Amino acid sequence: MTTATPVRTVVCPTCGGPSLYAPENRWRPFCSERCRQIDLGAWASEEFRMPTEAPPDDAPYGDPRTQES
């Protein structure tokens, strides 16, 4: 008895279109190689960043570039 794997469609993270999420789609979860390359380019150029708190102010330690000897 062979069990058929249900076809699953997800939203492409790049274009928002439908994308087949199965081994037949070599670019999954993207719908195409183009969308995958767009995402890779955005990642490589650091467009995907996580918000962080600002680094602590250097005031307590002073800025070594402006200190007098």
PDB file of N, CA and C in Angstrom:
ATOM      1  N   MET A   1       0.847  -1.185   0.000  1.00  0.00           N
ATOM      2  CA  MET A   1       0.000   0.000   0.000  1.00  0.00           C
ATOM      3  C   MET A   1       0.889   1.244   0.000  1.00  0.00           C
ATOM      4  N   THR A   2       0.650   2.128  -0.918  1.00  0.00           N
ATOM      5  CA  THR A   2       1.413   3.362  -1.040  1.00  0.00           C
ATOM      6  C   THR A   2       0.583   4.502  -0.469  1.00  0.00           C
ATOM      7  N   THR A   3       1.223   5.303   0.388  1.00  0.00           N
ATOM      8  CA  THR A   3       0.524   6.460   0.937  1.00  0.00           C
ATOM      9  C   THR A   3       1.001   7.696   0.206  1.00  0.00           C
ATOM     10  N   ALA A   4       0.078   8.436  -0.315  1.00  0.00           N
ATOM     11  CA  ALA A   4       0.406   9.652  -1.046  1.00  0.00           C
ATOM     12  C   ALA A   4       0.682  10.771  -0.057  1.00  0.00           C
ATOM     13  N   THR A   5       1.753  11.507  -0.316  1.00  0.00           N
ATOM     14  CA  THR A   5       2.085  12.652   0.511  1.00  0.00           C
ATOM     15  C   THR A   5       1.182  13.812   0.106  1.00  0.00           C
ATOM     16  N   PRO A   6       0.519  14.448   1.064  1.00  0.00           N
ATOM     17  CA  PRO A   6      -0.359  15.564   0.702  1.00  0.00           C
ATOM     18  C   PRO A   6       0.457  16.725   0.125  1.00  0.00           C
ATOM     19  N   VAL A   7      -0.106  17.363  -0.874  1.00  0.00           N
ATOM     20  CA  VAL A   7       0.547  18.512  -1.490  1.00  0.00           C
ATOM     21  C   VAL A   7       0.357  19.698  -0.562  1.00  0.00           C
ATOM     22  N   ARG A   8       1.462  20.326  -0.226  1.00  0.00           N
ATOM     23  CA  ARG A   8       1.409  21.468   0.683  1.00  0.00           C
ATOM     24  C   ARG A   8       1.884  22.698  -0.064  1.00  0.00           C
ATOM     25  N   THR A   9       1.117  23.749  -0.014  1.00  0.00           N
ATOM     26  CA  THR A   9       1.485  25.010  -0.638  1.00  0.00           C
ATOM     27  C   THR A   9       1.688  26.033   0.470  1.00  0.00           C
ATOM     28  N   VAL A  10       2.809  26.757   0.382  1.00  0.00           N
ATOM     29  CA  VAL A  10       3.113  27.808   1.352  1.00  0.00           C
ATOM     30  C   VAL A  10       3.262  29.123   0.608  1.00  0.00           C
ATOM     31  N   VAL A  11       3.349  30.194   1.351  1.00  0.00           N
ATOM     32  CA  VAL A  11       3.544  31.516   0.767  1.00  0.00           C
ATOM     33  C   VAL A  11       5.041  31.738   0.562  1.00  0.00           C
ATOM     34  N   CYS A  12       5.430  32.126  -0.640  1.00  0.00           N
ATOM     35  CA  CYS A  12       6.834  32.419  -0.928  1.00  0.00           C
ATOM     36  C   CYS A  12       7.264  33.620  -0.088  1.00  0.00           C
ATOM     37  N   PRO A  13       8.371  33.505   0.669  1.00  0.00           N
ATOM     38  CA  PRO A  13       8.805  34.604   1.520  1.00  0.00           C
ATOM     39  C   PRO A  13       9.211  35.858   0.753  1.00  0.00           C
ATOM     40  N   THR A  14       9.533  35.724  -0.517  1.00  0.00           N
ATOM     41  CA  THR A  14       9.992  36.883  -1.285  1.00  0.00           C
ATOM     42  C   THR A  14       8.850  37.594  -1.998  1.00  0.00           C
ATOM     43  N   CYS A  15       8.082  36.845  -2.805  1.00  0.00           N
ATOM     44  CA  CYS A  15       7.056  37.498  -3.627  1.00  0.00           C
ATOM     45  C   CYS A  15       5.649  37.368  -3.068  1.00  0.00           C
ATOM     46  N   GLY A  16       5.448  36.453  -2.102  1.00  0.00           N
ATOM     47  CA  GLY A  16       4.130  36.266  -1.518  1.00  0.00           C
ATOM     48  C   GLY A  16       3.228  35.361  -2.328  1.00  0.00           C
ATOM     49  N   GLY A  17       3.735  34.816  -3.423  1.00  0.00           N
ATOM     50  CA  GLY A  17       2.943  33.911  -4.250  1.00  0.00           C
ATOM     51  C   GLY A  17       2.936  32.507  -3.686  1.00  0.00           C
ATOM     52  N   PRO A  18       2.142  31.630  -4.297  1.00  0.00           N
ATOM     53  CA  PRO A  18       2.098  30.246  -3.823  1.00  0.00           C
ATOM     54  C   PRO A  18       3.381  29.504  -4.182  1.00  0.00           C
ATOM     55  N   SER A  19       3.822  28.650  -3.279  1.00  0.00           N
ATOM     56  CA  SER A  19       5.035  27.876  -3.494  1.00  0.00           C
ATOM     57  C   SER A  19       4.792  26.450  -3.025  1.00  0.00           C
ATOM     58  N   LEU A  20       5.088  25.493  -3.885  1.00  0.00           N
ATOM     59  CA  LEU A  20       4.948  24.089  -3.542  1.00  0.00           C
ATOM     60  C   LEU A  20       6.026  23.719  -2.545  1.00  0.00           C
ATOM     61  N   TYR A  21       5.636  23.220  -1.391  1.00  0.00           N
ATOM     62  CA  TYR A  21       6.597  22.813  -0.365  1.00  0.00           C
ATOM     63  C   TYR A  21       6.700  21.300  -0.398  1.00  0.00           C
ATOM     64  N   ALA A  22       7.514  20.838  -1.338  1.00  0.00           N
ATOM     65  CA  ALA A  22       7.709  19.409  -1.537  1.00  0.00           C
ATOM     66  C   ALA A  22       9.068  19.200  -2.179  1.00  0.00           C
ATOM     67  N   PRO A  23       9.598  17.980  -2.120  1.00  0.00           N
ATOM     68  CA  PRO A  23      10.913  17.714  -2.715  1.00  0.00           C
ATOM     69  C   PRO A  23      10.988  18.063  -4.211  1.00  0.00           C
ATOM     70  N   GLU A  24       9.863  18.072  -4.891  1.00  0.00           N
ATOM     71  CA  GLU A  24       9.853  18.425  -6.309  1.00  0.00           C
ATOM     72  C   GLU A  24      10.243  19.883  -6.554  1.00  0.00           C
ATOM     73  N   ASN A  25      10.044  20.735  -5.555  1.00  0.00           N
ATOM     74  CA  ASN A  25      10.402  22.152  -5.679  1.00  0.00           C
ATOM     75  C   ASN A  25      11.789  22.342  -5.069  1.00  0.00           C
ATOM     76  N   ARG A  26      12.795  22.402  -5.900  1.00  0.00           N
ATOM     77  CA  ARG A  26      14.169  22.482  -5.399  1.00  0.00           C
ATOM     78  C   ARG A  26      14.493  23.817  -4.737  1.00  0.00           C
ATOM     79  N   TRP A  27      13.627  24.817  -4.873  1.00  0.00           N
ATOM     80  CA  TRP A  27      13.887  26.129  -4.264  1.00  0.00           C
ATOM     81  C   TRP A  27      13.038  26.368  -3.024  1.00  0.00           C
ATOM     82  N   ARG A  28      12.369  25.341  -2.534  1.00  0.00           N
ATOM     83  CA  ARG A  28      11.465  25.553  -1.402  1.00  0.00           C
ATOM     84  C   ARG A  28      12.184  26.188  -0.224  1.00  0.00           C
ATOM     85  N   PRO A  29      11.620  27.086   0.518  1.00  0.00           N
ATOM     86  CA  PRO A  29      10.225  27.497   0.495  1.00  0.00           C
ATOM     87  C   PRO A  29       9.918  28.569  -0.539  1.00  0.00           C
ATOM     88  N   PHE A  30      10.880  28.893  -1.391  1.00  0.00           N
ATOM     89  CA  PHE A  30      10.656  29.908  -2.426  1.00  0.00           C
ATOM     90  C   PHE A  30       9.962  29.279  -3.625  1.00  0.00           C
ATOM     91  N   CYS A  31       9.300  30.106  -4.424  1.00  0.00           N
ATOM     92  CA  CYS A  31       8.573  29.582  -5.568  1.00  0.00           C
ATOM     93  C   CYS A  31       9.473  29.404  -6.782  1.00  0.00           C
ATOM     94  N   SER A  32      10.612  30.078  -6.796  1.00  0.00           N
ATOM     95  CA  SER A  32      11.493  29.995  -7.962  1.00  0.00           C
ATOM     96  C   SER A  32      12.934  30.311  -7.566  1.00  0.00           C
ATOM     97  N   GLU A  33      13.831  30.033  -8.478  1.00  0.00           N
ATOM     98  CA  GLU A  33      15.236  30.360  -8.239  1.00  0.00           C
ATOM     99  C   GLU A  33      15.418  31.867  -8.116  1.00  0.00           C
ATOM    100  N   ARG A  34      14.653  32.633  -8.885  1.00  0.00           N
ATOM    101  CA  ARG A  34      14.739  34.095  -8.823  1.00  0.00           C
ATOM    102  C   ARG A  34      14.432  34.609  -7.417  1.00  0.00           C
ATOM    103  N   CYS A  35      13.353  34.124  -6.816  1.00  0.00           N
ATOM    104  CA  CYS A  35      12.996  34.563  -5.462  1.00  0.00           C
ATOM    105  C   CYS A  35      14.065  34.130  -4.458  1.00  0.00           C
ATOM    106  N   ARG A  36      14.617  32.948  -4.642  1.00  0.00           N
ATOM    107  CA  ARG A  36      15.678  32.481  -3.749  1.00  0.00           C
ATOM    108  C   ARG A  36      16.907  33.379  -3.851  1.00  0.00           C
ATOM    109  N   GLN A  37      17.268  33.786  -5.069  1.00  0.00           N
ATOM    110  CA  GLN A  37      18.432  34.646  -5.273  1.00  0.00           C
ATOM    111  C   GLN A  37      18.201  36.049  -4.700  1.00  0.00           C
ATOM    112  N   ILE A  38      16.994  36.549  -4.833  1.00  0.00           N
ATOM    113  CA  ILE A  38      16.666  37.858  -4.252  1.00  0.00           C
ATOM    114  C   ILE A  38      16.846  37.805  -2.739  1.00  0.00           C
ATOM    115  N   ASP A  39      16.348  36.749  -2.111  1.00  0.00           N
ATOM    116  CA  ASP A  39      16.472  36.594  -0.664  1.00  0.00           C
ATOM    117  C   ASP A  39      17.936  36.457  -0.257  1.00  0.00           C
ATOM    118  N   LEU A  40      18.704  35.674  -1.002  1.00  0.00           N
ATOM    119  CA  LEU A  40      20.118  35.495  -0.697  1.00  0.00           C
ATOM    120  C   LEU A  40      20.865  36.825  -0.815  1.00  0.00           C
ATOM    121  N   GLY A  41      20.556  37.613  -1.838  1.00  0.00           N
ATOM    122  CA  GLY A  41      21.189  38.919  -2.007  1.00  0.00           C
ATOM    123  C   GLY A  41      20.869  39.862  -0.859  1.00  0.00           C
ATOM    124  N   ALA A  42      19.628  39.836  -0.404  1.00  0.00           N
ATOM    125  CA  ALA A  42      19.237  40.688   0.726  1.00  0.00           C
ATOM    126  C   ALA A  42      19.958  40.251   1.996  1.00  0.00           C
ATOM    127  N   TRP A  43      20.103  38.950   2.181  1.00  0.00           N
ATOM    128  CA  TRP A  43      20.818  38.443   3.356  1.00  0.00           C
ATOM    129  C   TRP A  43      22.299  38.827   3.286  1.00  0.00           C
ATOM    130  N   ALA A  44      22.905  38.660   2.108  1.00  0.00           N
ATOM    131  CA  ALA A  44      24.331  38.948   1.954  1.00  0.00           C
ATOM    132  C   ALA A  44      24.641  40.428   2.131  1.00  0.00           C
ATOM    133  N   SER A  45      23.711  41.295   1.766  1.00  0.00           N
ATOM    134  CA  SER A  45      23.945  42.733   1.914  1.00  0.00           C
ATOM    135  C   SER A  45      23.461  43.248   3.270  1.00  0.00           C
ATOM    136  N   GLU A  46      23.156  42.317   4.162  1.00  0.00           N
ATOM    137  CA  GLU A  46      22.749  42.614   5.539  1.00  0.00           C
ATOM    138  C   GLU A  46      21.476  43.440   5.635  1.00  0.00           C
ATOM    139  N   GLU A  47      20.540  43.226   4.702  1.00  0.00           N
ATOM    140  CA  GLU A  47      19.250  43.906   4.785  1.00  0.00           C
ATOM    141  C   GLU A  47      18.377  43.315   5.884  1.00  0.00           C
ATOM    142  N   PHE A  48      18.633  42.045   6.241  1.00  0.00           N
ATOM    143  CA  PHE A  48      17.891  41.408   7.315  1.00  0.00           C
ATOM    144  C   PHE A  48      18.656  41.630   8.607  1.00  0.00           C
ATOM    145  N   ARG A  49      18.147  42.487   9.439  1.00  0.00           N
ATOM    146  CA  ARG A  49      18.806  42.771  10.711  1.00  0.00           C
ATOM    147  C   ARG A  49      17.799  42.679  11.828  1.00  0.00           C
ATOM    148  N   MET A  50      18.276  42.251  12.968  1.00  0.00           N
ATOM    149  CA  MET A  50      17.443  42.177  14.148  1.00  0.00           C
ATOM    150  C   MET A  50      17.620  43.474  14.933  1.00  0.00           C
ATOM    151  N   PRO A  51      16.525  44.073  15.368  1.00  0.00           N
ATOM    152  CA  PRO A  51      16.670  45.285  16.172  1.00  0.00           C
ATOM    153  C   PRO A  51      17.346  44.954  17.501  1.00  0.00           C
ATOM    154  N   THR A  52      18.253  45.807  17.897  1.00  0.00           N
ATOM    155  CA  THR A  52      18.949  45.626  19.168  1.00  0.00           C
ATOM    156  C   THR A  52      18.952  46.937  19.928  1.00  0.00           C
ATOM    157  N   GLU A  53      19.287  46.842  21.186  1.00  0.00           N
ATOM    158  CA  GLU A  53      19.425  48.057  21.973  1.00  0.00           C
ATOM    159  C   GLU A  53      20.703  48.755  21.550  1.00  0.00           C
ATOM    160  N   ALA A  54      20.728  50.050  21.676  1.00  0.00           N
ATOM    161  CA  ALA A  54      21.921  50.819  21.335  1.00  0.00           C
ATOM    162  C   ALA A  54      23.056  50.417  22.277  1.00  0.00           C
ATOM    163  N   PRO A  55      24.275  50.432  21.794  1.00  0.00           N
ATOM    164  CA  PRO A  55      25.390  50.090  22.689  1.00  0.00           C
ATOM    165  C   PRO A  55      25.494  51.117  23.813  1.00  0.00           C
ATOM    166  N   PRO A  56      26.090  50.741  24.917  1.00  0.00           N
ATOM    167  CA  PRO A  56      26.197  51.688  26.025  1.00  0.00           C
ATOM    168  C   PRO A  56      27.024  52.907  25.630  1.00  0.00           C
ATOM    169  N   ASP A  57      26.659  54.006  26.224  1.00  0.00           N
ATOM    170  CA  ASP A  57      27.383  55.250  25.963  1.00  0.00           C
ATOM    171  C   ASP A  57      28.807  55.143  26.509  1.00  0.00           C
ATOM    172  N   ASP A  58      29.759  55.690  25.812  1.00  0.00           N
ATOM    173  CA  ASP A  58      31.159  55.643  26.244  1.00  0.00           C
ATOM    174  C   ASP A  58      31.489  56.676  27.323  1.00  0.00           C
ATOM    175  N   ALA A  59      30.526  57.464  27.759  1.00  0.00           N
ATOM    176  CA  ALA A  59      30.794  58.538  28.713  1.00  0.00           C
ATOM    177  C   ALA A  59      31.520  58.081  29.979  1.00  0.00           C
ATOM    178  N   PRO A  60      31.134  56.975  30.612  1.00  0.00           N
ATOM    179  CA  PRO A  60      31.843  56.592  31.841  1.00  0.00           C
ATOM    180  C   PRO A  60      33.315  56.263  31.605  1.00  0.00           C
ATOM    181  N   TYR A  61      33.651  55.845  30.429  1.00  0.00           N
ATOM    182  CA  TYR A  61      35.026  55.443  30.142  1.00  0.00           C
ATOM    183  C   TYR A  61      35.795  56.480  29.338  1.00  0.00           C
ATOM    184  N   GLY A  62      35.063  57.348  28.713  1.00  0.00           N
ATOM    185  CA  GLY A  62      35.708  58.365  27.890  1.00  0.00           C
ATOM    186  C   GLY A  62      36.066  57.813  26.526  1.00  0.00           C
ATOM    187  N   ASP A  63      36.223  58.689  25.606  1.00  0.00           N
ATOM    188  CA  ASP A  63      36.595  58.306  24.256  1.00  0.00           C
ATOM    189  C   ASP A  63      38.102  58.427  24.146  1.00  0.00           C
ATOM    190  N   PRO A  64      38.833  57.354  23.934  1.00  0.00           N
ATOM    191  CA  PRO A  64      40.290  57.412  23.913  1.00  0.00           C
ATOM    192  C   PRO A  64      40.825  58.297  22.788  1.00  0.00           C
ATOM    193  N   ARG A  65      40.038  58.568  21.789  1.00  0.00           N
ATOM    194  CA  ARG A  65      40.505  59.435  20.699  1.00  0.00           C
ATOM    195  C   ARG A  65      40.514  60.905  21.091  1.00  0.00           C
ATOM    196  N   THR A  66      39.769  61.264  22.150  1.00  0.00           N
ATOM    197  CA  THR A  66      39.669  62.665  22.532  1.00  0.00           C
ATOM    198  C   THR A  66      40.309  62.976  23.875  1.00  0.00           C
ATOM    199  N   GLN A  67      40.901  61.983  24.527  1.00  0.00           N
ATOM    200  CA  GLN A  67      41.498  62.205  25.849  1.00  0.00           C
ATOM    201  C   GLN A  67      42.815  62.953  25.704  1.00  0.00           C
ATOM    202  N   GLU A  68      43.020  63.848  26.648  1.00  0.00           N
ATOM    203  CA  GLU A  68      44.291  64.585  26.671  1.00  0.00           C
ATOM    204  C   GLU A  68      45.320  63.789  27.440  1.00  0.00           C
ATOM    205  N   SER A  69      46.547  63.871  27.027  1.00  0.00           N
ATOM    206  CA  SER A  69      47.634  63.135  27.725  1.00  0.00           C
ATOM    207  C   SER A  69      48.148  63.913  28.874  1.00  0.00           C
TER     208      SER A  69
END
